[in-house]
Amino acid sequence: MSSMTTVQINKEVLSALKEIKEYPRQTYNELITHLIKLRAKIKLRNQYDEFLHMIQQQKMSELWDNEEDEVWENA
């Protein structure tokens, strides 16, 4: 018994997949596996970026939300 399956996709998706192949003989299985790995990397990077942004927000709050700055705003 084969571990392969058939997936139905529309012709526009098939055309897009053909365009992004890295080399002519690359299988769709290889291509989709590569896309899945790229998506995982992007998701991980986005989590890291969100974490950095959260830390930066806290630090910027400390730097900008202080009494000295408020005195200058009212001068």
PDB file of N, CA and C in Angstrom:
ATOM      1  N   MET A   1       0.842  -1.185   0.000  1.00  0.00           N
ATOM      2  CA  MET A   1       0.000   0.000   0.000  1.00  0.00           C
ATOM      3  C   MET A   1       0.887   1.248   0.000  1.00  0.00           C
ATOM      4  N   SER A   2       0.589   2.173  -0.877  1.00  0.00           N
ATOM      5  CA  SER A   2       1.386   3.389  -1.030  1.00  0.00           C
ATOM      6  C   SER A   2       0.987   4.426   0.015  1.00  0.00           C
ATOM      7  N   SER A   3       1.961   5.236   0.417  1.00  0.00           N
ATOM      8  CA  SER A   3       1.672   6.299   1.373  1.00  0.00           C
ATOM      9  C   SER A   3       1.379   7.611   0.659  1.00  0.00           C
ATOM     10  N   MET A   4       1.156   7.548  -0.634  1.00  0.00           N
ATOM     11  CA  MET A   4       0.829   8.729  -1.430  1.00  0.00           C
ATOM     12  C   MET A   4      -0.672   8.937  -1.471  1.00  0.00           C
ATOM     13  N   THR A   5      -1.066  10.169  -1.742  1.00  0.00           N
ATOM     14  CA  THR A   5      -2.470  10.504  -1.861  1.00  0.00           C
ATOM     15  C   THR A   5      -2.644  11.467  -3.026  1.00  0.00           C
ATOM     16  N   THR A   6      -3.868  11.654  -3.441  1.00  0.00           N
ATOM     17  CA  THR A   6      -4.181  12.593  -4.505  1.00  0.00           C
ATOM     18  C   THR A   6      -4.837  13.819  -3.888  1.00  0.00           C
ATOM     19  N   VAL A   7      -4.351  14.988  -4.294  1.00  0.00           N
ATOM     20  CA  VAL A   7      -4.910  16.242  -3.804  1.00  0.00           C
ATOM     21  C   VAL A   7      -5.403  17.024  -5.007  1.00  0.00           C
ATOM     22  N   GLN A   8      -6.621  17.517  -4.927  1.00  0.00           N
ATOM     23  CA  GLN A   8      -7.161  18.307  -6.027  1.00  0.00           C
ATOM     24  C   GLN A   8      -6.889  19.782  -5.767  1.00  0.00           C
ATOM     25  N   ILE A   9      -6.325  20.449  -6.770  1.00  0.00           N
ATOM     26  CA  ILE A   9      -6.083  21.897  -6.686  1.00  0.00           C
ATOM     27  C   ILE A   9      -6.555  22.525  -7.986  1.00  0.00           C
ATOM     28  N   ASN A  10      -6.876  23.811  -7.939  1.00  0.00           N
ATOM     29  CA  ASN A  10      -7.320  24.443  -9.176  1.00  0.00           C
ATOM     30  C   ASN A  10      -6.115  24.783 -10.056  1.00  0.00           C
ATOM     31  N   LYS A  11      -6.386  25.107 -11.301  1.00  0.00           N
ATOM     32  CA  LYS A  11      -5.324  25.301 -12.285  1.00  0.00           C
ATOM     33  C   LYS A  11      -4.449  26.509 -11.973  1.00  0.00           C
ATOM     34  N   GLU A  12      -5.007  27.529 -11.337  1.00  0.00           N
ATOM     35  CA  GLU A  12      -4.214  28.706 -10.974  1.00  0.00           C
ATOM     36  C   GLU A  12      -3.153  28.343  -9.935  1.00  0.00           C
ATOM     37  N   VAL A  13      -3.520  27.516  -8.970  1.00  0.00           N
ATOM     38  CA  VAL A  13      -2.568  27.079  -7.947  1.00  0.00           C
ATOM     39  C   VAL A  13      -1.487  26.213  -8.586  1.00  0.00           C
ATOM     40  N   LEU A  14      -1.883  25.330  -9.480  1.00  0.00           N
ATOM     41  CA  LEU A  14      -0.907  24.490 -10.172  1.00  0.00           C
ATOM     42  C   LEU A  14       0.075  25.344 -10.965  1.00  0.00           C
ATOM     43  N   SER A  15      -0.429  26.352 -11.628  1.00  0.00           N
ATOM     44  CA  SER A  15       0.425  27.255 -12.398  1.00  0.00           C
ATOM     45  C   SER A  15       1.402  27.992 -11.479  1.00  0.00           C
ATOM     46  N   ALA A  16       0.903  28.450 -10.339  1.00  0.00           N
ATOM     47  CA  ALA A  16       1.767  29.145  -9.378  1.00  0.00           C
ATOM     48  C   ALA A  16       2.845  28.215  -8.838  1.00  0.00           C
ATOM     49  N   LEU A  17       2.474  26.968  -8.564  1.00  0.00           N
ATOM     50  CA  LEU A  17       3.461  25.993  -8.085  1.00  0.00           C
ATOM     51  C   LEU A  17       4.539  25.739  -9.135  1.00  0.00           C
ATOM     52  N   LYS A  18       4.130  25.648 -10.385  1.00  0.00           N
ATOM     53  CA  LYS A  18       5.104  25.439 -11.463  1.00  0.00           C
ATOM     54  C   LYS A  18       6.090  26.601 -11.541  1.00  0.00           C
ATOM     55  N   GLU A  19       5.599  27.820 -11.320  1.00  0.00           N
ATOM     56  CA  GLU A  19       6.449  29.014 -11.408  1.00  0.00           C
ATOM     57  C   GLU A  19       7.477  29.096 -10.284  1.00  0.00           C
ATOM     58  N   ILE A  20       7.147  28.564  -9.120  1.00  0.00           N
ATOM     59  CA  ILE A  20       8.077  28.715  -7.988  1.00  0.00           C
ATOM     60  C   ILE A  20       8.995  27.518  -7.777  1.00  0.00           C
ATOM     61  N   LYS A  21       8.919  26.555  -8.691  1.00  0.00           N
ATOM     62  CA  LYS A  21       9.849  25.434  -8.594  1.00  0.00           C
ATOM     63  C   LYS A  21      11.282  25.951  -8.637  1.00  0.00           C
ATOM     64  N   GLU A  22      12.151  25.367  -7.819  1.00  0.00           N
ATOM     65  CA  GLU A  22      13.547  25.778  -7.774  1.00  0.00           C
ATOM     66  C   GLU A  22      14.339  25.191  -8.934  1.00  0.00           C
ATOM     67  N   TYR A  23      13.916  24.055  -9.422  1.00  0.00           N
ATOM     68  CA  TYR A  23      14.553  23.429 -10.574  1.00  0.00           C
ATOM     69  C   TYR A  23      13.478  22.614 -11.302  1.00  0.00           C
ATOM     70  N   PRO A  24      13.650  22.403 -12.595  1.00  0.00           N
ATOM     71  CA  PRO A  24      12.578  21.806 -13.405  1.00  0.00           C
ATOM     72  C   PRO A  24      12.080  20.437 -12.940  1.00  0.00           C
ATOM     73  N   ARG A  25      12.958  19.607 -12.428  1.00  0.00           N
ATOM     74  CA  ARG A  25      12.542  18.255 -12.048  1.00  0.00           C
ATOM     75  C   ARG A  25      12.103  18.151 -10.577  1.00  0.00           C
ATOM     76  N   GLN A  26      11.990  19.271  -9.909  1.00  0.00           N
ATOM     77  CA  GLN A  26      11.539  19.249  -8.514  1.00  0.00           C
ATOM     78  C   GLN A  26      10.099  18.751  -8.463  1.00  0.00           C
ATOM     79  N   THR A  27       9.851  17.807  -7.582  1.00  0.00           N
ATOM     80  CA  THR A  27       8.493  17.264  -7.468  1.00  0.00           C
ATOM     81  C   THR A  27       7.624  18.222  -6.658  1.00  0.00           C
ATOM     82  N   TYR A  28       6.320  18.095  -6.844  1.00  0.00           N
ATOM     83  CA  TYR A  28       5.409  18.925  -6.065  1.00  0.00           C
ATOM     84  C   TYR A  28       5.498  18.572  -4.586  1.00  0.00           C
ATOM     85  N   ASN A  29       5.776  17.320  -4.286  1.00  0.00           N
ATOM     86  CA  ASN A  29       5.954  16.904  -2.897  1.00  0.00           C
ATOM     87  C   ASN A  29       7.137  17.637  -2.269  1.00  0.00           C
ATOM     88  N   GLU A  30       8.247  17.700  -2.997  1.00  0.00           N
ATOM     89  CA  GLU A  30       9.428  18.429  -2.497  1.00  0.00           C
ATOM     90  C   GLU A  30       9.124  19.913  -2.344  1.00  0.00           C
ATOM     91  N   LEU A  31       8.437  20.458  -3.324  1.00  0.00           N
ATOM     92  CA  LEU A  31       8.109  21.887  -3.301  1.00  0.00           C
ATOM     93  C   LEU A  31       7.200  22.237  -2.126  1.00  0.00           C
ATOM     94  N   ILE A  32       6.180  21.442  -1.914  1.00  0.00           N
ATOM     95  CA  ILE A  32       5.247  21.709  -0.809  1.00  0.00           C
ATOM     96  C   ILE A  32       5.946  21.507   0.531  1.00  0.00           C
ATOM     97  N   THR A  33       6.797  20.508   0.639  1.00  0.00           N
ATOM     98  CA  THR A  33       7.569  20.302   1.870  1.00  0.00           C
ATOM     99  C   THR A  33       8.449  21.515   2.151  1.00  0.00           C
ATOM    100  N   HIS A  34       9.075  22.041   1.108  1.00  0.00           N
ATOM    101  CA  HIS A  34       9.921  23.234   1.249  1.00  0.00           C
ATOM    102  C   HIS A  34       9.085  24.435   1.710  1.00  0.00           C
ATOM    103  N   LEU A  35       7.902  24.612   1.131  1.00  0.00           N
ATOM    104  CA  LEU A  35       7.020  25.713   1.525  1.00  0.00           C
ATOM    105  C   LEU A  35       6.575  25.584   2.979  1.00  0.00           C
ATOM    106  N   ILE A  36       6.319  24.366   3.419  1.00  0.00           N
ATOM    107  CA  ILE A  36       5.920  24.135   4.814  1.00  0.00           C
ATOM    108  C   ILE A  36       7.059  24.530   5.757  1.00  0.00           C
ATOM    109  N   LYS A  37       8.285  24.153   5.401  1.00  0.00           N
ATOM    110  CA  LYS A  37       9.440  24.512   6.229  1.00  0.00           C
ATOM    111  C   LYS A  37       9.644  26.024   6.263  1.00  0.00           C
ATOM    112  N   LEU A  38       9.466  26.682   5.117  1.00  0.00           N
ATOM    113  CA  LEU A  38       9.589  28.148   5.073  1.00  0.00           C
ATOM    114  C   LEU A  38       8.546  28.805   5.972  1.00  0.00           C
ATOM    115  N   ARG A  39       7.332  28.306   5.931  1.00  0.00           N
ATOM    116  CA  ARG A  39       6.254  28.856   6.769  1.00  0.00           C
ATOM    117  C   ARG A  39       6.591  28.711   8.248  1.00  0.00           C
ATOM    118  N   ALA A  40       7.159  27.582   8.629  1.00  0.00           N
ATOM    119  CA  ALA A  40       7.540  27.368  10.028  1.00  0.00           C
ATOM    120  C   ALA A  40       8.627  28.358  10.447  1.00  0.00           C
ATOM    121  N   LYS A  41       9.600  28.601   9.566  1.00  0.00           N
ATOM    122  CA  LYS A  41      10.656  29.561   9.869  1.00  0.00           C
ATOM    123  C   LYS A  41      10.106  30.972  10.003  1.00  0.00           C
ATOM    124  N   ILE A  42       9.194  31.331   9.121  1.00  0.00           N
ATOM    125  CA  ILE A  42       8.592  32.666   9.172  1.00  0.00           C
ATOM    126  C   ILE A  42       7.797  32.836  10.460  1.00  0.00           C
ATOM    127  N   LYS A  43       7.052  31.821  10.831  1.00  0.00           N
ATOM    128  CA  LYS A  43       6.256  31.883  12.061  1.00  0.00           C
ATOM    129  C   LYS A  43       7.160  32.047  13.273  1.00  0.00           C
ATOM    130  N   LEU A  44       8.261  31.300  13.305  1.00  0.00           N
ATOM    131  CA  LEU A  44       9.207  31.402  14.405  1.00  0.00           C
ATOM    132  C   LEU A  44       9.827  32.797  14.449  1.00  0.00           C
ATOM    133  N   ARG A  45      10.180  33.329  13.290  1.00  0.00           N
ATOM    134  CA  ARG A  45      10.773  34.674  13.232  1.00  0.00           C
ATOM    135  C   ARG A  45       9.772  35.723  13.695  1.00  0.00           C
ATOM    136  N   ASN A  46       8.503  35.582  13.295  1.00  0.00           N
ATOM    137  CA  ASN A  46       7.472  36.527  13.720  1.00  0.00           C
ATOM    138  C   ASN A  46       7.293  36.498  15.238  1.00  0.00           C
ATOM    139  N   GLN A  47       7.376  35.314  15.835  1.00  0.00           N
ATOM    140  CA  GLN A  47       7.272  35.220  17.291  1.00  0.00           C
ATOM    141  C   GLN A  47       8.442  35.957  17.946  1.00  0.00           C
ATOM    142  N   TYR A  48       9.632  35.811  17.381  1.00  0.00           N
ATOM    143  CA  TYR A  48      10.813  36.488  17.906  1.00  0.00           C
ATOM    144  C   TYR A  48      10.659  38.001  17.757  1.00  0.00           C
ATOM    145  N   ASP A  49      10.190  38.452  16.590  1.00  0.00           N
ATOM    146  CA  ASP A  49       9.995  39.882  16.364  1.00  0.00           C
ATOM    147  C   ASP A  49       8.956  40.464  17.322  1.00  0.00           C
ATOM    148  N   GLU A  50       7.879  39.729  17.547  1.00  0.00           N
ATOM    149  CA  GLU A  50       6.851  40.186  18.482  1.00  0.00           C
ATOM    150  C   GLU A  50       7.403  40.271  19.895  1.00  0.00           C
ATOM    151  N   PHE A  51       8.235  39.318  20.276  1.00  0.00           N
ATOM    152  CA  PHE A  51       8.865  39.332  21.594  1.00  0.00           C
ATOM    153  C   PHE A  51       9.760  40.565  21.738  1.00  0.00           C
ATOM    154  N   LEU A  52      10.582  40.840  20.721  1.00  0.00           N
ATOM    155  CA  LEU A  52      11.451  42.025  20.772  1.00  0.00           C
ATOM    156  C   LEU A  52      10.628  43.300  20.845  1.00  0.00           C
ATOM    157  N   HIS A  53       9.559  43.359  20.086  1.00  0.00           N
ATOM    158  CA  HIS A  53       8.704  44.544  20.091  1.00  0.00           C
ATOM    159  C   HIS A  53       8.100  44.767  21.480  1.00  0.00           C
ATOM    160  N   MET A  54       7.670  43.693  22.119  1.00  0.00           N
ATOM    161  CA  MET A  54       7.093  43.800  23.463  1.00  0.00           C
ATOM    162  C   MET A  54       8.128  44.336  24.450  1.00  0.00           C
ATOM    163  N   ILE A  55       9.367  43.838  24.367  1.00  0.00           N
ATOM    164  CA  ILE A  55      10.428  44.310  25.254  1.00  0.00           C
ATOM    165  C   ILE A  55      10.733  45.774  24.980  1.00  0.00           C
ATOM    166  N   GLN A  56      10.787  46.143  23.716  1.00  0.00           N
ATOM    167  CA  GLN A  56      11.079  47.523  23.350  1.00  0.00           C
ATOM    168  C   GLN A  56       9.985  48.462  23.845  1.00  0.00           C
ATOM    169  N   GLN A  57       8.753  48.037  23.777  1.00  0.00           N
ATOM    170  CA  GLN A  57       7.655  48.877  24.254  1.00  0.00           C
ATOM    171  C   GLN A  57       7.813  49.175  25.738  1.00  0.00           C
ATOM    172  N   GLN A  58       8.167  48.178  26.508  1.00  0.00           N
ATOM    173  CA  GLN A  58       8.355  48.381  27.937  1.00  0.00           C
ATOM    174  C   GLN A  58       9.484  49.364  28.194  1.00  0.00           C
ATOM    175  N   LYS A  59      10.597  49.220  27.487  1.00  0.00           N
ATOM    176  CA  LYS A  59      11.743  50.103  27.696  1.00  0.00           C
ATOM    177  C   LYS A  59      11.419  51.526  27.248  1.00  0.00           C
ATOM    178  N   MET A  60      10.745  51.662  26.113  1.00  0.00           N
ATOM    179  CA  MET A  60      10.384  52.990  25.633  1.00  0.00           C
ATOM    180  C   MET A  60       9.422  53.663  26.605  1.00  0.00           C
ATOM    181  N   SER A  61       8.556  52.890  27.221  1.00  0.00           N
ATOM    182  CA  SER A  61       7.652  53.437  28.225  1.00  0.00           C
ATOM    183  C   SER A  61       8.452  54.016  29.388  1.00  0.00           C
ATOM    184  N   GLU A  62       9.470  53.287  29.814  1.00  0.00           N
ATOM    185  CA  GLU A  62      10.323  53.768  30.899  1.00  0.00           C
ATOM    186  C   GLU A  62      11.038  55.055  30.506  1.00  0.00           C
ATOM    187  N   LEU A  63      11.506  55.120  29.277  1.00  0.00           N
ATOM    188  CA  LEU A  63      12.274  56.276  28.826  1.00  0.00           C
ATOM    189  C   LEU A  63      11.410  57.507  28.585  1.00  0.00           C
ATOM    190  N   TRP A  64      10.233  57.316  28.045  1.00  0.00           N
ATOM    191  CA  TRP A  64       9.418  58.458  27.637  1.00  0.00           C
ATOM    192  C   TRP A  64       8.384  58.874  28.665  1.00  0.00           C
ATOM    193  N   ASP A  65       7.905  57.963  29.456  1.00  0.00           N
ATOM    194  CA  ASP A  65       6.877  58.292  30.442  1.00  0.00           C
ATOM    195  C   ASP A  65       7.532  58.606  31.781  1.00  0.00           C
ATOM    196  N   ASN A  66       8.108  59.788  31.871  1.00  0.00           N
ATOM    197  CA  ASN A  66       8.718  60.200  33.132  1.00  0.00           C
ATOM    198  C   ASN A  66       8.423  61.678  33.378  1.00  0.00           C
ATOM    199  N   GLU A  67       8.629  62.116  34.608  1.00  0.00           N
ATOM    200  CA  GLU A  67       8.282  63.482  35.002  1.00  0.00           C
ATOM    201  C   GLU A  67       9.126  64.526  34.279  1.00  0.00           C
ATOM    202  N   GLU A  68      10.385  64.234  34.009  1.00  0.00           N
ATOM    203  CA  GLU A  68      11.254  65.202  33.337  1.00  0.00           C
ATOM    204  C   GLU A  68      10.711  65.578  31.962  1.00  0.00           C
ATOM    205  N   ASP A  69      10.239  64.613  31.220  1.00  0.00           N
ATOM    206  CA  ASP A  69       9.685  64.895  29.907  1.00  0.00           C
ATOM    207  C   ASP A  69       8.397  65.701  30.006  1.00  0.00           C
ATOM    208  N   GLU A  70       7.595  65.417  31.019  1.00  0.00           N
ATOM    209  CA  GLU A  70       6.347  66.139  31.193  1.00  0.00           C
ATOM    210  C   GLU A  70       6.605  67.603  31.504  1.00  0.00           C
ATOM    211  N   VAL A  71       7.665  67.899  32.255  1.00  0.00           N
ATOM    212  CA  VAL A  71       8.024  69.287  32.564  1.00  0.00           C
ATOM    213  C   VAL A  71       8.364  70.032  31.275  1.00  0.00           C
ATOM    214  N   TRP A  72       9.106  69.400  30.373  1.00  0.00           N
ATOM    215  CA  TRP A  72       9.479  70.036  29.100  1.00  0.00           C
ATOM    216  C   TRP A  72       8.265  70.251  28.200  1.00  0.00           C
ATOM    217  N   GLU A  73       7.306  69.350  28.266  1.00  0.00           N
ATOM    218  CA  GLU A  73       6.109  69.501  27.433  1.00  0.00           C
ATOM    219  C   GLU A  73       5.297  70.703  27.857  1.00  0.00           C
ATOM    220  N   ASN A  74       5.329  71.042  29.150  1.00  0.00           N
ATOM    221  CA  ASN A  74       4.532  72.156  29.666  1.00  0.00           C
ATOM    222  C   ASN A  74       5.325  73.458  29.723  1.00  0.00           C
ATOM    223  N   ALA A  75       6.560  73.464  29.248  1.00  0.00           N
ATOM    224  CA  ALA A  75       7.383  74.676  29.324  1.00  0.00           C
ATOM    225  C   ALA A  75       6.973  75.696  28.306  1.00  0.00           C
TER     226      ALA A  75
END
